[in-house]
């Protein structure tokens, strides 16, 4: 009646619909229901433009991506008359008043729609009811990584899209333009990875309580930059292994020098291994870098054990020589003790060689020589002293046979290991 119409006009609680709402007849329909409710599933096309991959975290096993997500569907309830057949574009304020697909990111940890300076949402409606809904999103999602080949690994990650409420009987998600539905910015780059490929795929997901759902996948492969880890881990480990081989060329009588070198290289290798492990997740399997570092640590450790064997066999050799020469037991004990404390190997022949540049050993032997050696020994001593200054020859003559073999075996085995390692993992 006219009275009711008049009362409606005077009612201040009623908000007059906006011009756009009047044009789209929003008040005439129930947009809580999907288009074509009760009929066949509504097809919703998707296309994605990846703006950037912001970070990849090995510790958290996730990645962060910024993208433009666009939805395409047809809702005849939004159709309107247009003489020029032009679409109408709206911002995010209209989204809450119409039906839009409830697409969410599977396995996402956190995500947000950019809102600077306003919400980055765009809605475009065409006269025939076709709708384009676009928004700019940053999402962090899980990536199940396998570090068994780290740092020579390639990781395959995916971002998965799915409708939360509507199963395949109500909504059908599909890539709008097939494989061309996924595009990327040409300038995407990461500090630790090469982006090898992007691809789009689709599938179905089943939930025991609600049924089957269409699911879309954004797949990308990441290959790690190896040069950083070569400088930070592999190259220092190689240097430490080669440094441990220096002890094979040091005189076996220089106990402090060889022991100090061995302990230093062992501790340095431990520091390198600890630094690499601190930056990685605590996985229950062995990584490729662990294999290399532990084998390198084993080589360094064996170089220390090698000198322990040389020192022990040298002591046994000295004991046999003293017994052959008929030395008294007291003199033998003094020789062994002297070797343990001053690093001098008190074999008669060897001490002759070092008499020119080993002061403590020379003084001890000189006292013995003054009382015990014969004239023939004195002549032999003079001949030996003529070799002073030829240090390299003396060291070569007085090295143990184990040192001689170690100079060849250790580098050869380590080179073979490196060829096998890099051939296996690259």
Protein backbone atom coordinates (compact mmCIF):
# COMPACT_ATOMS: atom_id res chain seq x y z
CA UNK A 1 0.00 0.00 0.00
CA UNK A 2 0.96 3.66 -0.26
CA UNK A 3 1.19 3.88 3.53
CA UNK A 4 3.74 1.04 3.73
CA UNK A 5 5.83 2.57 0.94
CA UNK A 6 5.83 5.89 2.77
CA UNK A 7 6.90 4.22 6.04
CA UNK A 8 9.79 2.50 4.25
CA UNK A 9 11.04 5.82 2.95
CA UNK A 10 10.85 7.36 6.43
CA UNK A 11 12.66 4.37 8.08
CA UNK A 12 16.21 5.64 8.81
CA UNK A 13 17.53 2.14 9.67
CA UNK A 14 17.33 1.07 6.05
CA UNK A 15 20.49 1.71 4.06
CA UNK A 16 19.88 2.70 0.52
CA UNK A 17 21.69 0.29 -1.84
CA UNK A 18 24.61 1.62 -3.82
CA UNK A 19 24.23 2.27 -7.51
CA UNK A 20 26.42 -0.75 -8.35
CA UNK A 21 24.31 -2.99 -6.16
CA UNK A 22 21.18 -1.80 -7.84
CA UNK A 23 22.70 -2.45 -11.25
CA UNK A 24 23.76 -6.00 -10.29
CA UNK A 25 20.45 -6.71 -8.48
CA UNK A 26 22.29 -7.93 -5.42
CA UNK A 27 19.28 -7.48 -3.13
CA UNK A 28 17.13 -9.67 -5.36
CA UNK A 29 19.16 -12.85 -4.86
CA UNK A 30 20.52 -14.98 -2.05
CA UNK A 31 24.27 -15.02 -2.61
CA UNK A 32 24.83 -17.38 0.30
CA UNK A 33 24.09 -20.12 -2.24
CA UNK A 34 26.45 -20.98 -5.05
CA UNK A 35 25.41 -20.34 -8.65
CA UNK A 36 23.21 -23.13 -9.98
CA UNK A 37 22.59 -24.51 -6.50
CA UNK A 38 21.14 -28.03 -6.62
CA UNK A 39 22.31 -28.61 -10.18
CA UNK A 40 25.59 -29.60 -11.78
CA UNK A 41 28.86 -28.43 -10.20
CA UNK A 42 29.94 -24.91 -11.06
CA UNK A 43 33.24 -24.78 -12.95
CA UNK A 44 35.80 -22.35 -11.51
CA UNK A 45 38.87 -21.65 -13.60
CA UNK A 46 42.15 -20.67 -11.96
CA UNK A 47 45.27 -18.99 -13.24
CA UNK A 48 48.29 -17.88 -11.23
CA UNK A 49 51.10 -15.43 -11.81
CA UNK A 50 54.02 -15.98 -9.43
CA UNK A 51 55.55 -12.64 -8.50
CA UNK A 52 58.38 -13.89 -6.28
CA UNK A 53 59.64 -16.72 -4.12
CA UNK A 54 60.72 -14.84 -1.03
CA UNK A 55 62.52 -17.50 0.96
CA UNK A 56 63.26 -21.20 1.32
CA UNK A 57 63.85 -22.49 4.85
CA UNK A 58 65.54 -25.86 5.33
CA UNK A 59 65.14 -25.74 9.10
CA UNK A 60 61.37 -25.12 8.97
CA UNK A 61 60.92 -27.05 5.70
CA UNK A 62 58.76 -24.37 4.10
CA UNK A 63 58.79 -21.71 1.41
CA UNK A 64 57.21 -18.28 1.06
CA UNK A 65 55.68 -17.19 -2.24
CA UNK A 66 53.92 -14.03 -3.42
CA UNK A 67 51.44 -14.53 -6.26
CA UNK A 68 48.43 -13.16 -8.11
CA UNK A 69 45.54 -15.61 -7.80
CA UNK A 70 42.71 -15.20 -10.32
CA UNK A 71 39.32 -17.00 -10.35
CA UNK A 72 36.94 -17.25 -13.29
CA UNK A 73 33.31 -18.39 -13.06
CA UNK A 74 29.88 -17.47 -14.30
CA UNK A 75 27.08 -16.25 -12.05
CA UNK A 76 23.99 -15.34 -14.07
CA UNK A 77 22.54 -13.55 -11.06
CA UNK A 78 25.14 -10.79 -11.65
CA UNK A 79 24.32 -10.27 -15.34
CA UNK A 80 23.26 -6.77 -16.36
CA UNK A 81 22.34 -4.79 -19.42
CA UNK A 82 25.07 -2.91 -21.20
CA UNK A 83 24.73 -1.10 -24.51
CA UNK A 84 28.49 -1.12 -25.11
CA UNK A 85 29.03 -4.65 -23.69
CA UNK A 86 31.65 -3.38 -21.28
CA UNK A 87 32.56 -4.96 -17.97
CA UNK A 88 32.38 -3.27 -14.60
CA UNK A 89 35.31 -3.33 -12.16
CA UNK A 90 34.98 -3.15 -8.38
CA UNK A 91 37.30 -3.29 -5.39
CA UNK A 92 37.14 -5.53 -2.33
CA UNK A 93 34.10 -3.86 -0.75
CA UNK A 94 31.70 -5.79 -2.96
CA UNK A 95 33.22 -9.19 -2.22
CA UNK A 96 31.34 -9.66 1.05
CA UNK A 97 27.96 -9.22 -0.66
CA UNK A 98 28.25 -11.80 -3.44
CA UNK A 99 29.27 -15.44 -3.76
CA UNK A 100 32.97 -16.12 -4.40
CA UNK A 101 34.86 -19.48 -4.45
CA UNK A 102 36.32 -20.51 -1.09
CA UNK A 103 39.73 -21.56 -2.39
CA UNK A 104 42.40 -22.15 0.26
CA UNK A 105 46.04 -23.31 0.26
CA UNK A 106 46.60 -26.85 1.48
CA UNK A 107 49.51 -27.29 3.94
CA UNK A 108 49.88 -23.52 4.33
CA UNK A 109 51.31 -22.25 7.59
CA UNK A 110 50.40 -18.58 7.23
CA UNK A 111 49.13 -16.34 4.47
CA UNK A 112 47.70 -12.86 4.00
CA UNK A 113 46.18 -10.61 1.39
CA UNK A 114 48.22 -7.47 0.80
CA UNK A 115 46.44 -4.38 2.04
CA UNK A 116 48.69 -1.44 1.14
CA UNK A 117 47.31 1.08 0.43
CA UNK A 118 44.01 -0.79 0.28
CA UNK A 119 43.23 -4.48 0.01
CA UNK A 120 44.73 -5.83 -3.22
CA UNK A 121 41.44 -7.28 -4.47
CA UNK A 122 39.81 -6.77 -7.83
CA UNK A 123 36.38 -7.91 -9.02
CA UNK A 124 35.36 -7.59 -12.67
CA UNK A 125 31.83 -8.46 -13.79
CA UNK A 126 30.82 -8.88 -17.43
CA UNK A 127 27.30 -8.27 -18.78
CA UNK A 128 26.68 -12.01 -19.34
CA UNK A 129 27.49 -12.81 -15.70
CA UNK A 130 31.09 -13.94 -16.15
CA UNK A 131 33.22 -12.92 -13.17
CA UNK A 132 36.95 -12.35 -12.73
CA UNK A 133 38.11 -12.28 -9.10
CA UNK A 134 41.79 -11.44 -8.55
CA UNK A 135 43.82 -10.97 -5.38
CA UNK A 136 47.48 -10.63 -4.40
CA UNK A 137 48.56 -13.08 -1.71
CA UNK A 138 51.72 -14.02 0.16
CA UNK A 139 51.62 -17.58 1.46
CA UNK A 140 54.05 -19.74 3.43
CA UNK A 141 53.50 -23.44 2.86
CA UNK A 142 55.20 -26.70 3.74
CA UNK A 143 57.69 -28.32 1.43
CA UNK A 144 58.62 -31.88 2.28
CA UNK A 145 62.36 -31.83 1.61
CA UNK A 146 64.78 -34.73 1.32
CA UNK A 147 68.31 -33.83 2.50
CA UNK A 148 69.98 -37.16 1.77
CA UNK A 149 71.93 -35.49 -1.08
CA UNK A 150 72.44 -32.11 0.64
CA UNK A 151 74.03 -29.80 -0.52
CA UNK A 152 74.00 -31.48 -3.94
CA UNK A 153 70.24 -31.86 -3.81
CA UNK A 154 67.25 -30.81 -5.89
CA UNK A 155 64.05 -30.06 -3.99
CA UNK A 156 60.57 -30.44 -5.49
CA UNK A 157 57.96 -28.26 -3.81
CA UNK A 158 54.32 -27.59 -4.59
CA UNK A 159 51.62 -25.13 -3.61
CA UNK A 160 48.20 -26.80 -3.55
CA UNK A 161 44.83 -25.10 -4.04
CA UNK A 162 41.47 -26.57 -3.09
CA UNK A 163 37.93 -25.57 -2.18
CA UNK A 164 37.31 -25.82 1.54
CA UNK A 165 33.51 -26.31 1.63
CA UNK A 166 32.50 -27.50 -1.83
CA UNK A 167 33.42 -31.00 -2.97
CA UNK A 168 33.42 -32.17 -6.58
CA UNK A 169 29.63 -32.45 -6.63
CA UNK A 170 29.29 -28.69 -6.12
CA UNK A 171 32.46 -27.08 -7.48
CA UNK A 172 34.94 -28.12 -10.15
CA UNK A 173 38.35 -26.44 -9.99
CA UNK A 174 40.44 -26.48 -13.15
CA UNK A 175 43.32 -24.59 -14.74
CA UNK A 176 41.77 -21.90 -16.93
CA UNK A 177 44.31 -22.07 -19.76
CA UNK A 178 45.85 -25.49 -19.19
CA UNK A 179 49.65 -25.44 -18.80
CA UNK A 180 49.69 -21.76 -19.72
CA UNK A 181 47.66 -20.92 -16.63
CA UNK A 182 50.86 -20.66 -14.59
CA UNK A 183 53.20 -17.77 -15.39
CA UNK A 184 56.22 -16.39 -13.54
CA UNK A 185 58.13 -13.18 -13.35
CA UNK A 186 61.31 -13.30 -15.44
CA UNK A 187 63.40 -11.79 -12.64
CA UNK A 188 62.67 -14.41 -9.96
CA UNK A 189 65.92 -15.51 -8.32
CA UNK A 190 67.04 -17.02 -5.03
CA UNK A 191 70.33 -16.76 -3.17
CA UNK A 192 70.84 -20.51 -2.65
CA UNK A 193 68.80 -22.10 -5.43
CA UNK A 194 68.33 -22.22 -9.18
CA UNK A 195 64.66 -22.39 -10.17
CA UNK A 196 64.67 -25.15 -12.77
CA UNK A 197 61.01 -25.31 -13.77
CA UNK A 198 57.43 -24.36 -12.96
CA UNK A 199 54.52 -26.59 -13.92
CA UNK A 200 50.79 -26.86 -13.25
CA UNK A 201 48.92 -30.09 -12.55
CA UNK A 202 45.62 -31.23 -11.07
CA UNK A 203 44.23 -34.13 -9.10
CA UNK A 204 41.71 -35.26 -6.52
CA UNK A 205 41.90 -35.32 -2.74
CA UNK A 206 39.76 -37.60 -0.58
CA UNK A 207 38.54 -36.90 2.94
CA UNK A 208 36.72 -39.67 4.75
CA UNK A 209 34.07 -37.34 6.22
CA UNK A 210 33.29 -35.05 3.28
CA UNK A 211 34.27 -36.86 0.06
CA UNK A 212 36.36 -36.01 -3.00
CA UNK A 213 37.67 -32.54 -3.81
CA UNK A 214 39.39 -31.09 -6.86
CA UNK A 215 42.94 -29.99 -6.13
CA UNK A 216 45.33 -27.90 -8.23
CA UNK A 217 49.13 -28.03 -7.90
CA UNK A 218 51.78 -25.39 -8.57
CA UNK A 219 54.96 -27.46 -8.88
CA UNK A 220 58.49 -26.08 -9.01
CA UNK A 221 61.95 -27.64 -8.78
CA UNK A 222 64.84 -25.99 -6.95
CA UNK A 223 68.49 -26.94 -7.48
CA UNK A 224 70.91 -25.72 -4.83
CA UNK A 225 73.93 -23.54 -5.56
CA UNK A 226 76.97 -25.67 -4.68
CA UNK A 227 79.67 -22.99 -4.82
CA UNK A 228 78.80 -21.53 -1.41
CA UNK A 229 79.15 -24.90 0.30
CA UNK A 230 82.37 -25.65 -1.56
CA UNK A 231 83.91 -22.50 -0.06
CA UNK A 232 82.41 -22.95 3.41
CA UNK A 233 82.65 -26.71 3.97
CA UNK A 234 84.30 -28.83 1.29
CA UNK A 235 87.38 -26.72 0.57
CA UNK A 236 88.32 -26.21 4.27
CA UNK A 237 87.85 -29.93 4.87
CA UNK A 238 90.18 -30.73 1.95
CA UNK A 239 92.81 -28.35 3.31
CA UNK A 240 92.64 -29.90 6.77
CA UNK A 241 93.11 -33.38 5.35
CA UNK A 242 96.10 -32.28 3.29
CA UNK A 243 97.52 -30.41 6.27
CA UNK A 244 97.40 -33.59 8.33
CA UNK A 245 99.64 -35.26 5.72
CA UNK A 246 102.43 -32.77 6.49
CA UNK A 247 103.23 -34.83 9.57
CA UNK A 248 104.42 -37.67 7.31
CA UNK A 249 107.34 -35.44 6.26
CA UNK A 250 108.23 -34.35 9.80
CA UNK A 251 111.01 -36.27 11.57
CA UNK A 252 109.58 -39.10 13.63
CA UNK A 253 111.63 -37.90 16.62
CA UNK A 254 109.78 -34.52 16.69
CA UNK A 255 107.04 -35.75 18.98
CA UNK A 256 105.62 -32.33 20.00
CA UNK A 257 105.42 -31.10 16.39
CA UNK A 258 103.62 -34.12 15.01
CA UNK A 259 101.23 -34.53 17.94
CA UNK A 260 100.32 -30.82 17.95
CA UNK A 261 99.65 -30.85 14.22
CA UNK A 262 97.45 -33.92 14.50
CA UNK A 263 95.37 -32.56 17.40
CA UNK A 264 94.95 -29.18 15.68
CA UNK A 265 93.60 -30.70 12.46
CA UNK A 266 91.23 -32.98 14.39
CA UNK A 267 89.77 -30.05 16.35
CA UNK A 268 89.42 -27.93 13.21
CA UNK A 269 87.53 -30.69 11.43
CA UNK A 270 85.22 -30.99 14.44
CA UNK A 271 84.50 -27.25 14.24
CA UNK A 272 83.64 -27.46 10.53
CA UNK A 273 81.28 -30.37 11.12
CA UNK A 274 79.56 -28.59 14.00
CA UNK A 275 79.04 -25.44 11.92
CA UNK A 276 77.40 -27.36 9.08
CA UNK A 277 75.11 -29.31 11.42
CA UNK A 278 73.99 -26.15 13.25
CA UNK A 279 72.43 -24.69 10.08
CA UNK A 280 70.50 -27.84 9.16
CA UNK A 281 67.41 -29.57 10.57
CA UNK A 282 68.07 -32.53 12.83
CA UNK A 283 67.13 -35.30 10.41
CA UNK A 284 67.43 -38.98 11.24
CA UNK A 285 69.37 -39.96 8.10
CA UNK A 286 72.85 -39.23 6.77
CA UNK A 287 73.32 -36.33 4.37
CA UNK A 288 75.85 -36.21 1.54
CA UNK A 289 77.85 -33.49 3.28
CA UNK A 290 77.99 -35.66 6.42
CA UNK A 291 79.54 -38.48 4.41
CA UNK A 292 82.24 -36.19 3.04
CA UNK A 293 83.05 -34.53 6.35
CA UNK A 294 83.11 -37.76 8.32
CA UNK A 295 85.39 -39.46 5.78
CA UNK A 296 87.66 -36.40 5.87
CA UNK A 297 87.62 -36.50 9.66
CA UNK A 298 88.57 -40.19 9.48
CA UNK A 299 91.60 -39.38 7.31
CA UNK A 300 92.73 -36.73 9.79
CA UNK A 301 92.21 -39.09 12.71
CA UNK A 302 94.12 -41.89 10.98
CA UNK A 303 97.09 -39.56 10.44
CA UNK A 304 97.28 -39.17 14.23
CA UNK A 305 96.97 -42.92 14.72
CA UNK A 306 99.68 -43.39 12.09
CA UNK A 307 102.16 -41.42 14.15
CA UNK A 308 101.16 -43.34 17.29
CA UNK A 309 102.09 -46.54 15.42
CA UNK A 310 105.36 -44.99 14.17
CA UNK A 311 106.31 -43.87 17.67
CA UNK A 312 105.50 -47.26 19.17
CA UNK A 313 107.43 -49.20 16.53
CA UNK A 314 110.35 -46.80 16.90
CA UNK A 315 110.48 -47.59 20.62
CA UNK A 316 110.42 -51.32 19.87
CA UNK A 317 113.20 -50.86 17.30
CA UNK A 318 115.32 -48.93 19.77
CA UNK A 319 114.89 -51.62 22.36
CA UNK A 320 116.10 -54.30 19.94
CA UNK A 321 119.11 -52.22 18.91
CA UNK A 322 120.13 -51.62 22.50
CA UNK A 323 119.90 -55.32 23.27
CA UNK A 324 122.04 -56.19 20.25
CA UNK A 325 124.76 -53.75 21.32
CA UNK A 326 124.84 -55.13 24.81
CA UNK A 327 123.78 -51.90 26.53
CA UNK A 328 123.12 -52.02 30.21
CA UNK A 329 119.50 -51.92 31.34
CA UNK A 330 120.03 -48.61 33.18
CA UNK A 331 121.29 -46.91 30.04
CA UNK A 332 118.30 -48.30 28.10
CA UNK A 333 115.82 -46.84 30.58
CA UNK A 334 117.53 -43.45 30.34
CA UNK A 335 117.26 -43.54 26.55
CA UNK A 336 113.56 -44.35 26.57
CA UNK A 337 112.82 -41.66 29.15
CA UNK A 338 114.81 -39.10 27.19
CA UNK A 339 112.83 -39.84 24.05
CA UNK A 340 109.55 -39.45 25.91
CA UNK A 341 110.41 -36.07 27.45
CA UNK A 342 112.65 -34.21 25.01
CA UNK A 343 111.43 -35.73 21.71
CA UNK A 344 114.91 -37.05 20.78
CA UNK A 345 115.35 -40.56 19.43
CA UNK A 346 118.53 -41.74 21.18
CA UNK A 347 119.74 -44.30 18.71
CA UNK A 348 123.49 -44.08 18.23
CA UNK A 349 123.43 -43.79 14.45
CA UNK A 350 120.62 -41.28 14.37
CA UNK A 351 122.06 -39.10 17.12
CA UNK A 352 125.23 -38.83 15.14
CA UNK A 353 123.22 -37.27 12.31
CA UNK A 354 121.56 -34.66 14.50
CA UNK A 355 124.58 -33.73 16.61
CA UNK A 356 125.07 -30.53 14.65
CA UNK A 357 121.63 -29.00 15.34
CA UNK A 358 120.12 -30.77 18.38
CA UNK A 359 121.72 -29.18 21.43
CA UNK A 360 120.13 -31.20 24.30
CA UNK A 361 120.71 -34.50 22.57
CA UNK A 362 124.26 -33.54 21.62
CA UNK A 363 125.16 -32.57 25.19
CA UNK A 364 123.84 -35.86 26.60
CA UNK A 365 125.62 -37.94 23.99
CA UNK A 366 128.81 -35.91 24.32
CA UNK A 367 129.09 -36.79 28.00
CA UNK A 368 128.70 -40.49 27.13
CA UNK A 369 131.09 -40.23 24.21
CA UNK A 370 133.84 -38.69 26.34
CA UNK A 371 133.94 -41.73 28.58
CA UNK A 372 132.82 -44.67 26.39
CA UNK A 373 133.52 -44.31 22.66
CA UNK A 374 136.77 -45.54 21.20
CA UNK A 375 139.06 -43.86 18.67
CA UNK A 376 137.25 -45.64 15.86
CA UNK A 377 133.92 -44.28 17.12
CA UNK A 378 135.44 -40.81 17.23
CA UNK A 379 136.42 -41.06 13.56
CA UNK A 380 132.96 -42.27 12.67
CA UNK A 381 131.42 -39.42 14.61
CA UNK A 382 133.44 -36.91 12.62
CA UNK A 383 132.29 -38.42 9.36
CA UNK A 384 128.70 -38.21 10.49
CA UNK A 385 129.07 -34.59 11.51
CA UNK A 386 130.18 -33.72 8.02
CA UNK A 387 126.58 -34.22 6.98
CA UNK A 388 125.32 -31.35 9.13
CA UNK A 389 123.20 -28.87 7.24
CA UNK A 390 121.79 -31.55 4.96
CA UNK A 391 118.57 -31.69 6.98
CA UNK A 392 116.37 -33.04 4.20
CA UNK A 393 118.64 -36.06 3.67
CA UNK A 394 118.77 -36.79 7.38
CA UNK A 395 114.97 -36.68 7.66
CA UNK A 396 114.54 -39.02 4.70
CA UNK A 397 117.03 -41.50 6.12
CA UNK A 398 115.47 -41.49 9.58
CA UNK A 399 111.77 -41.77 8.60
CA UNK A 400 109.98 -44.93 9.49
CA UNK A 401 108.78 -47.20 6.69
CA UNK A 402 105.17 -46.47 7.71
CA UNK A 403 105.72 -42.77 6.97
CA UNK A 404 107.08 -43.65 3.56
CA UNK A 405 104.05 -45.71 2.62
CA UNK A 406 101.63 -43.17 4.17
CA UNK A 407 102.91 -40.44 1.85
CA UNK A 408 101.58 -42.48 -1.08
CA UNK A 409 98.61 -44.36 0.36
CA UNK A 410 96.79 -41.49 2.12
CA UNK A 411 96.70 -39.07 -0.87
CA UNK A 412 95.88 -41.86 -3.31
CA UNK A 413 92.94 -43.19 -1.30
CA UNK A 414 91.64 -39.65 -0.68
CA UNK A 415 91.75 -38.81 -4.40
CA UNK A 416 89.88 -42.03 -5.22
CA UNK A 417 87.28 -41.17 -2.57
CA UNK A 418 86.77 -37.69 -4.07
CA UNK A 419 86.29 -39.08 -7.57
CA UNK A 420 83.79 -41.61 -6.27
CA UNK A 421 81.95 -39.04 -4.12
CA UNK A 422 81.54 -36.33 -6.75
CA UNK A 423 80.72 -38.88 -9.44
CA UNK A 424 77.98 -40.38 -7.26
CA UNK A 425 76.23 -37.19 -6.14
CA UNK A 426 76.62 -34.86 -9.12
